[in-house]
């Protein structure tokens, strides 16, 4: 409708940190499922950029998240 570029960020890292029972790998899989649902809406692939926080940062970030989840913040 607007014919503009679209950027969609999948915040799977926030899901992982918020819910204690989730494993990082499961959260990433949930994010991929969310991406498939978003693609099904029919956005123009040439103008749409969808990314997962964990997958986009990739190398060190998954380990940082696992440590961060186990550190007390008070």
PDB file of N, CA and C in Angstrom:
ATOM      1  N   UNK A   1       0.821  -1.191   0.000  1.00  0.00           N
ATOM      2  CA  UNK A   1       0.000   0.000   0.000  1.00  0.00           C
ATOM      3  C   UNK A   1       0.867   1.259   0.000  1.00  0.00           C
ATOM      4  N   UNK A   2       1.905   1.317   0.851  1.00  0.00           N
ATOM      5  CA  UNK A   2       2.732   2.516   0.950  1.00  0.00           C
ATOM      6  C   UNK A   2       3.968   2.460   0.054  1.00  0.00           C
ATOM      7  N   UNK A   3       4.319   1.256  -0.441  1.00  0.00           N
ATOM      8  CA  UNK A   3       5.457   1.076  -1.332  1.00  0.00           C
ATOM      9  C   UNK A   3       6.756   1.626  -0.726  1.00  0.00           C
ATOM     10  N   UNK A   4       7.029   1.232   0.519  1.00  0.00           N
ATOM     11  CA  UNK A   4       8.235   1.665   1.229  1.00  0.00           C
ATOM     12  C   UNK A   4       8.984   0.438   1.759  1.00  0.00           C
ATOM     13  N   UNK A   5      10.287   0.578   2.049  1.00  0.00           N
ATOM     14  CA  UNK A   5      11.026  -0.535   2.667  1.00  0.00           C
ATOM     15  C   UNK A   5      10.477  -0.829   4.065  1.00  0.00           C
ATOM     16  N   UNK A   6      10.535  -2.100   4.445  1.00  0.00           N
ATOM     17  CA  UNK A   6      10.021  -2.533   5.730  1.00  0.00           C
ATOM     18  C   UNK A   6      11.083  -3.359   6.451  1.00  0.00           C
ATOM     19  N   UNK A   7      11.363  -3.021   7.701  1.00  0.00           N
ATOM     20  CA  UNK A   7      12.306  -3.776   8.531  1.00  0.00           C
ATOM     21  C   UNK A   7      11.534  -4.329   9.726  1.00  0.00           C
ATOM     22  N   UNK A   8      11.632  -5.648   9.916  1.00  0.00           N
ATOM     23  CA  UNK A   8      10.942  -6.301  11.024  1.00  0.00           C
ATOM     24  C   UNK A   8      11.978  -7.017  11.878  1.00  0.00           C
ATOM     25  N   UNK A   9      12.023  -6.668  13.148  1.00  0.00           N
ATOM     26  CA  UNK A   9      12.963  -7.259  14.094  1.00  0.00           C
ATOM     27  C   UNK A   9      12.230  -8.293  14.938  1.00  0.00           C
ATOM     28  N   UNK A  10      12.749  -9.531  14.955  1.00  0.00           N
ATOM     29  CA  UNK A  10      12.193 -10.588  15.794  1.00  0.00           C
ATOM     30  C   UNK A  10      13.011 -10.608  17.075  1.00  0.00           C
ATOM     31  N   UNK A  11      12.390 -10.274  18.186  1.00  0.00           N
ATOM     32  CA  UNK A  11      13.104 -10.121  19.460  1.00  0.00           C
ATOM     33  C   UNK A  11      13.092 -11.421  20.256  1.00  0.00           C
ATOM     34  N   UNK A  12      13.688 -12.454  19.659  1.00  0.00           N
ATOM     35  CA  UNK A  12      13.735 -13.742  20.337  1.00  0.00           C
ATOM     36  C   UNK A  12      14.611 -13.703  21.588  1.00  0.00           C
ATOM     37  N   UNK A  13      15.545 -12.776  21.648  1.00  0.00           N
ATOM     38  CA  UNK A  13      16.380 -12.651  22.845  1.00  0.00           C
ATOM     39  C   UNK A  13      15.549 -12.201  24.043  1.00  0.00           C
ATOM     40  N   UNK A  14      14.595 -11.311  23.823  1.00  0.00           N
ATOM     41  CA  UNK A  14      13.743 -10.847  24.916  1.00  0.00           C
ATOM     42  C   UNK A  14      12.844 -11.970  25.435  1.00  0.00           C
ATOM     43  N   UNK A  15      12.322 -12.792  24.527  1.00  0.00           N
ATOM     44  CA  UNK A  15      11.508 -13.935  24.949  1.00  0.00           C
ATOM     45  C   UNK A  15      12.330 -14.861  25.837  1.00  0.00           C
ATOM     46  N   UNK A  16      13.553 -15.120  25.427  1.00  0.00           N
ATOM     47  CA  UNK A  16      14.433 -16.019  26.168  1.00  0.00           C
ATOM     48  C   UNK A  16      14.732 -15.484  27.566  1.00  0.00           C
ATOM     49  N   UNK A  17      15.022 -14.201  27.664  1.00  0.00           N
ATOM     50  CA  UNK A  17      15.363 -13.611  28.954  1.00  0.00           C
ATOM     51  C   UNK A  17      14.149 -13.466  29.870  1.00  0.00           C
ATOM     52  N   UNK A  18      12.985 -13.276  29.297  1.00  0.00           N
ATOM     53  CA  UNK A  18      11.780 -13.038  30.091  1.00  0.00           C
ATOM     54  C   UNK A  18      11.220 -14.307  30.721  1.00  0.00           C
ATOM     55  N   UNK A  19      11.250 -15.417  29.994  1.00  0.00           N
ATOM     56  CA  UNK A  19      10.646 -16.657  30.488  1.00  0.00           C
ATOM     57  C   UNK A  19      11.736 -17.646  30.881  1.00  0.00           C
ATOM     58  N   UNK A  20      11.801 -17.950  32.169  1.00  0.00           N
ATOM     59  CA  UNK A  20      12.861 -18.808  32.697  1.00  0.00           C
ATOM     60  C   UNK A  20      12.870 -20.200  32.097  1.00  0.00           C
ATOM     61  N   UNK A  21      11.707 -20.741  31.770  1.00  0.00           N
ATOM     62  CA  UNK A  21      11.630 -22.126  31.319  1.00  0.00           C
ATOM     63  C   UNK A  21      12.075 -22.334  29.869  1.00  0.00           C
ATOM     64  N   UNK A  22      12.251 -21.275  29.111  1.00  0.00           N
ATOM     65  CA  UNK A  22      12.623 -21.405  27.697  1.00  0.00           C
ATOM     66  C   UNK A  22      14.115 -21.617  27.510  1.00  0.00           C
ATOM     67  N   UNK A  23      14.451 -22.485  26.579  1.00  0.00           N
ATOM     68  CA  UNK A  23      15.836 -22.674  26.142  1.00  0.00           C
ATOM     69  C   UNK A  23      16.059 -21.771  24.939  1.00  0.00           C
ATOM     70  N   UNK A  24      17.279 -21.329  24.740  1.00  0.00           N
ATOM     71  CA  UNK A  24      17.580 -20.402  23.644  1.00  0.00           C
ATOM     72  C   UNK A  24      17.242 -21.012  22.284  1.00  0.00           C
ATOM     73  N   UNK A  25      17.564 -22.275  22.092  1.00  0.00           N
ATOM     74  CA  UNK A  25      17.302 -22.925  20.809  1.00  0.00           C
ATOM     75  C   UNK A  25      15.804 -22.958  20.501  1.00  0.00           C
ATOM     76  N   UNK A  26      14.987 -23.214  21.531  1.00  0.00           N
ATOM     77  CA  UNK A  26      13.535 -23.221  21.331  1.00  0.00           C
ATOM     78  C   UNK A  26      13.018 -21.833  20.996  1.00  0.00           C
ATOM     79  N   UNK A  27      13.599 -20.836  21.609  1.00  0.00           N
ATOM     80  CA  UNK A  27      13.181 -19.459  21.355  1.00  0.00           C
ATOM     81  C   UNK A  27      13.510 -19.058  19.918  1.00  0.00           C
ATOM     82  N   UNK A  28      14.671 -19.480  19.440  1.00  0.00           N
ATOM     83  CA  UNK A  28      15.051 -19.180  18.047  1.00  0.00           C
ATOM     84  C   UNK A  28      14.088 -19.877  17.093  1.00  0.00           C
ATOM     85  N   UNK A  29      13.731 -21.116  17.391  1.00  0.00           N
ATOM     86  CA  UNK A  29      12.758 -21.837  16.546  1.00  0.00           C
ATOM     87  C   UNK A  29      11.405 -21.129  16.532  1.00  0.00           C
ATOM     88  N   UNK A  30      10.984 -20.619  17.690  1.00  0.00           N
ATOM     89  CA  UNK A  30       9.731 -19.872  17.752  1.00  0.00           C
ATOM     90  C   UNK A  30       9.815 -18.621  16.881  1.00  0.00           C
ATOM     91  N   UNK A  31      10.973 -17.968  16.911  1.00  0.00           N
ATOM     92  CA  UNK A  31      11.172 -16.780  16.078  1.00  0.00           C
ATOM     93  C   UNK A  31      11.091 -17.099  14.595  1.00  0.00           C
ATOM     94  N   UNK A  32      11.673 -18.227  14.195  1.00  0.00           N
ATOM     95  CA  UNK A  32      11.614 -18.643  12.792  1.00  0.00           C
ATOM     96  C   UNK A  32      10.170 -18.916  12.389  1.00  0.00           C
ATOM     97  N   UNK A  33       9.409 -19.521  13.279  1.00  0.00           N
ATOM     98  CA  UNK A  33       7.993 -19.754  13.016  1.00  0.00           C
ATOM     99  C   UNK A  33       7.250 -18.423  12.858  1.00  0.00           C
ATOM    100  N   UNK A  34       7.593 -17.450  13.694  1.00  0.00           N
ATOM    101  CA  UNK A  34       6.981 -16.115  13.583  1.00  0.00           C
ATOM    102  C   UNK A  34       7.328 -15.473  12.241  1.00  0.00           C
ATOM    103  N   UNK A  35       8.572 -15.663  11.798  1.00  0.00           N
ATOM    104  CA  UNK A  35       8.994 -15.099  10.509  1.00  0.00           C
ATOM    105  C   UNK A  35       8.172 -15.709   9.378  1.00  0.00           C
ATOM    106  N   UNK A  36       7.937 -17.015   9.428  1.00  0.00           N
ATOM    107  CA  UNK A  36       7.122 -17.673   8.398  1.00  0.00           C
ATOM    108  C   UNK A  36       5.714 -17.102   8.379  1.00  0.00           C
ATOM    109  N   UNK A  37       5.170 -16.846   9.557  1.00  0.00           N
ATOM    110  CA  UNK A  37       3.830 -16.255   9.631  1.00  0.00           C
ATOM    111  C   UNK A  37       3.809 -14.856   9.014  1.00  0.00           C
ATOM    112  N   UNK A  38       4.855 -14.086   9.274  1.00  0.00           N
ATOM    113  CA  UNK A  38       4.930 -12.723   8.733  1.00  0.00           C
ATOM    114  C   UNK A  38       5.060 -12.761   7.211  1.00  0.00           C
ATOM    115  N   UNK A  39       5.892 -13.674   6.699  1.00  0.00           N
ATOM    116  CA  UNK A  39       6.072 -13.798   5.249  1.00  0.00           C
ATOM    117  C   UNK A  39       4.748 -14.138   4.567  1.00  0.00           C
ATOM    118  N   UNK A  40       3.925 -14.933   5.253  1.00  0.00           N
ATOM    119  CA  UNK A  40       2.644 -15.361   4.683  1.00  0.00           C
ATOM    120  C   UNK A  40       1.696 -14.186   4.421  1.00  0.00           C
ATOM    121  N   UNK A  41       1.952 -13.035   5.032  1.00  0.00           N
ATOM    122  CA  UNK A  41       1.112 -11.860   4.777  1.00  0.00           C
ATOM    123  C   UNK A  41       1.321 -11.287   3.386  1.00  0.00           C
ATOM    124  N   UNK A  42       2.420 -11.650   2.728  1.00  0.00           N
ATOM    125  CA  UNK A  42       2.627 -11.238   1.348  1.00  0.00           C
ATOM    126  C   UNK A  42       3.359  -9.929   1.161  1.00  0.00           C
ATOM    127  N   UNK A  43       4.235  -9.576   2.105  1.00  0.00           N
ATOM    128  CA  UNK A  43       5.047  -8.371   1.924  1.00  0.00           C
ATOM    129  C   UNK A  43       5.965  -8.545   0.721  1.00  0.00           C
ATOM    130  N   UNK A  44       6.297  -7.452   0.070  1.00  0.00           N
ATOM    131  CA  UNK A  44       7.199  -7.472  -1.086  1.00  0.00           C
ATOM    132  C   UNK A  44       8.597  -7.911  -0.634  1.00  0.00           C
ATOM    133  N   UNK A  45       9.096  -9.072  -1.103  1.00  0.00           N
ATOM    134  CA  UNK A  45      10.399  -9.569  -0.657  1.00  0.00           C
ATOM    135  C   UNK A  45      11.562  -8.633  -1.003  1.00  0.00           C
ATOM    136  N   UNK A  46      11.397  -7.838  -2.037  1.00  0.00           N
ATOM    137  CA  UNK A  46      12.451  -6.898  -2.432  1.00  0.00           C
ATOM    138  C   UNK A  46      12.572  -5.727  -1.458  1.00  0.00           C
ATOM    139  N   UNK A  47      11.515  -5.445  -0.737  1.00  0.00           N
ATOM    140  CA  UNK A  47      11.505  -4.284   0.153  1.00  0.00           C
ATOM    141  C   UNK A  47      11.381  -4.663   1.629  1.00  0.00           C
ATOM    142  N   UNK A  48      11.457  -5.967   1.930  1.00  0.00           N
ATOM    143  CA  UNK A  48      11.253  -6.410   3.303  1.00  0.00           C
ATOM    144  C   UNK A  48      12.519  -7.062   3.844  1.00  0.00           C
ATOM    145  N   UNK A  49      12.942  -6.627   5.031  1.00  0.00           N
ATOM    146  CA  UNK A  49      14.085  -7.215   5.721  1.00  0.00           C
ATOM    147  C   UNK A  49      13.608  -7.668   7.092  1.00  0.00           C
ATOM    148  N   UNK A  50      13.605  -8.991   7.323  1.00  0.00           N
ATOM    149  CA  UNK A  50      13.178  -9.557   8.598  1.00  0.00           C
ATOM    150  C   UNK A  50      14.396 -10.225   9.221  1.00  0.00           C
ATOM    151  N   UNK A  51      14.652  -9.911  10.495  1.00  0.00           N
ATOM    152  CA  UNK A  51      15.807 -10.532  11.134  1.00  0.00           C
ATOM    153  C   UNK A  51      15.526 -10.885  12.582  1.00  0.00           C
ATOM    154  N   UNK A  52      16.197 -11.945  13.020  1.00  0.00           N
ATOM    155  CA  UNK A  52      16.145 -12.404  14.404  1.00  0.00           C
ATOM    156  C   UNK A  52      17.352 -11.817  15.121  1.00  0.00           C
ATOM    157  N   UNK A  53      17.148 -11.283  16.315  1.00  0.00           N
ATOM    158  CA  UNK A  53      18.263 -10.713  17.077  1.00  0.00           C
ATOM    159  C   UNK A  53      19.395 -11.722  17.264  1.00  0.00           C
ATOM    160  N   UNK A  54      19.042 -12.928  17.701  1.00  0.00           N
ATOM    161  CA  UNK A  54      20.061 -13.944  17.991  1.00  0.00           C
ATOM    162  C   UNK A  54      20.779 -14.380  16.719  1.00  0.00           C
ATOM    163  N   UNK A  55      20.047 -14.609  15.650  1.00  0.00           N
ATOM    164  CA  UNK A  55      20.662 -15.071  14.411  1.00  0.00           C
ATOM    165  C   UNK A  55      21.464 -13.967  13.721  1.00  0.00           C
ATOM    166  N   UNK A  56      21.039 -12.723  13.843  1.00  0.00           N
ATOM    167  CA  UNK A  56      21.716 -11.626  13.155  1.00  0.00           C
ATOM    168  C   UNK A  56      23.064 -11.316  13.810  1.00  0.00           C
ATOM    169  N   UNK A  57      23.132 -11.376  15.117  1.00  0.00           N
ATOM    170  CA  UNK A  57      24.382 -11.096  15.828  1.00  0.00           C
ATOM    171  C   UNK A  57      25.265 -12.345  15.855  1.00  0.00           C
ATOM    172  N   UNK A  58      24.657 -13.495  15.899  1.00  0.00           N
ATOM    173  CA  UNK A  58      25.201 -14.827  15.732  1.00  0.00           C
ATOM    174  C   UNK A  58      26.371 -15.265  16.619  1.00  0.00           C
ATOM    175  N   UNK A  59      27.570 -14.790  16.439  1.00  0.00           N
ATOM    176  CA  UNK A  59      28.760 -15.400  17.025  1.00  0.00           C
ATOM    177  C   UNK A  59      28.783 -15.424  18.549  1.00  0.00           C
ATOM    178  N   UNK A  60      28.812 -14.290  19.187  1.00  0.00           N
ATOM    179  CA  UNK A  60      28.977 -14.224  20.635  1.00  0.00           C
ATOM    180  C   UNK A  60      27.652 -14.072  21.380  1.00  0.00           C
ATOM    181  N   UNK A  61      26.674 -13.517  20.734  1.00  0.00           N
ATOM    182  CA  UNK A  61      25.440 -13.132  21.403  1.00  0.00           C
ATOM    183  C   UNK A  61      24.709 -14.287  22.091  1.00  0.00           C
ATOM    184  N   UNK A  62      24.586 -15.480  21.503  1.00  0.00           N
ATOM    185  CA  UNK A  62      23.912 -16.566  22.220  1.00  0.00           C
ATOM    186  C   UNK A  62      24.569 -16.880  23.565  1.00  0.00           C
ATOM    187  N   UNK A  63      25.883 -16.851  23.627  1.00  0.00           N
ATOM    188  CA  UNK A  63      26.578 -17.094  24.892  1.00  0.00           C
ATOM    189  C   UNK A  63      26.349 -15.953  25.879  1.00  0.00           C
ATOM    190  N   UNK A  64      26.338 -14.741  25.391  1.00  0.00           N
ATOM    191  CA  UNK A  64      26.070 -13.579  26.249  1.00  0.00           C
ATOM    192  C   UNK A  64      24.677 -13.698  26.860  1.00  0.00           C
ATOM    193  N   UNK A  65      23.700 -14.107  26.071  1.00  0.00           N
ATOM    194  CA  UNK A  65      22.337 -14.253  26.580  1.00  0.00           C
ATOM    195  C   UNK A  65      22.248 -15.315  27.666  1.00  0.00           C
ATOM    196  N   UNK A  66      22.939 -16.438  27.478  1.00  0.00           N
ATOM    197  CA  UNK A  66      22.902 -17.513  28.482  1.00  0.00           C
ATOM    198  C   UNK A  66      23.513 -17.042  29.805  1.00  0.00           C
ATOM    199  N   UNK A  67      24.577 -16.263  29.734  1.00  0.00           N
ATOM    200  CA  UNK A  67      25.183 -15.726  30.955  1.00  0.00           C
ATOM    201  C   UNK A  67      24.250 -14.679  31.565  1.00  0.00           C
ATOM    202  N   UNK A  68      23.738 -13.794  30.735  1.00  0.00           N
ATOM    203  CA  UNK A  68      22.874 -12.719  31.236  1.00  0.00           C
ATOM    204  C   UNK A  68      21.637 -13.276  31.941  1.00  0.00           C
ATOM    205  N   UNK A  69      21.093 -14.373  31.457  1.00  0.00           N
ATOM    206  CA  UNK A  69      19.901 -14.949  32.063  1.00  0.00           C
ATOM    207  C   UNK A  69      20.180 -15.468  33.474  1.00  0.00           C
ATOM    208  N   UNK A  70      21.416 -15.814  33.750  1.00  0.00           N
ATOM    209  CA  UNK A  70      21.775 -16.392  35.049  1.00  0.00           C
ATOM    210  C   UNK A  70      22.383 -15.398  36.024  1.00  0.00           C
ATOM    211  N   UNK A  71      22.471 -14.153  35.657  1.00  0.00           N
ATOM    212  CA  UNK A  71      23.035 -13.131  36.532  1.00  0.00           C
ATOM    213  C   UNK A  71      21.902 -12.405  37.264  1.00  0.00           C
ATOM    214  N   UNK A  72      22.023 -12.261  38.553  1.00  0.00           N
ATOM    215  CA  UNK A  72      21.025 -11.539  39.332  1.00  0.00           C
ATOM    216  C   UNK A  72      21.130 -10.046  39.036  1.00  0.00           C
ATOM    217  N   UNK A  73      19.998  -9.405  38.866  1.00  0.00           N
ATOM    218  CA  UNK A  73      20.007  -7.986  38.498  1.00  0.00           C
ATOM    219  C   UNK A  73      19.594  -7.075  39.650  1.00  0.00           C
ATOM    220  N   UNK A  74      19.588  -7.553  40.870  1.00  0.00           N
ATOM    221  CA  UNK A  74      19.212  -6.681  41.977  1.00  0.00           C
ATOM    222  C   UNK A  74      20.315  -6.591  42.987  1.00  0.00           C
TER     223      UNK A  74
END
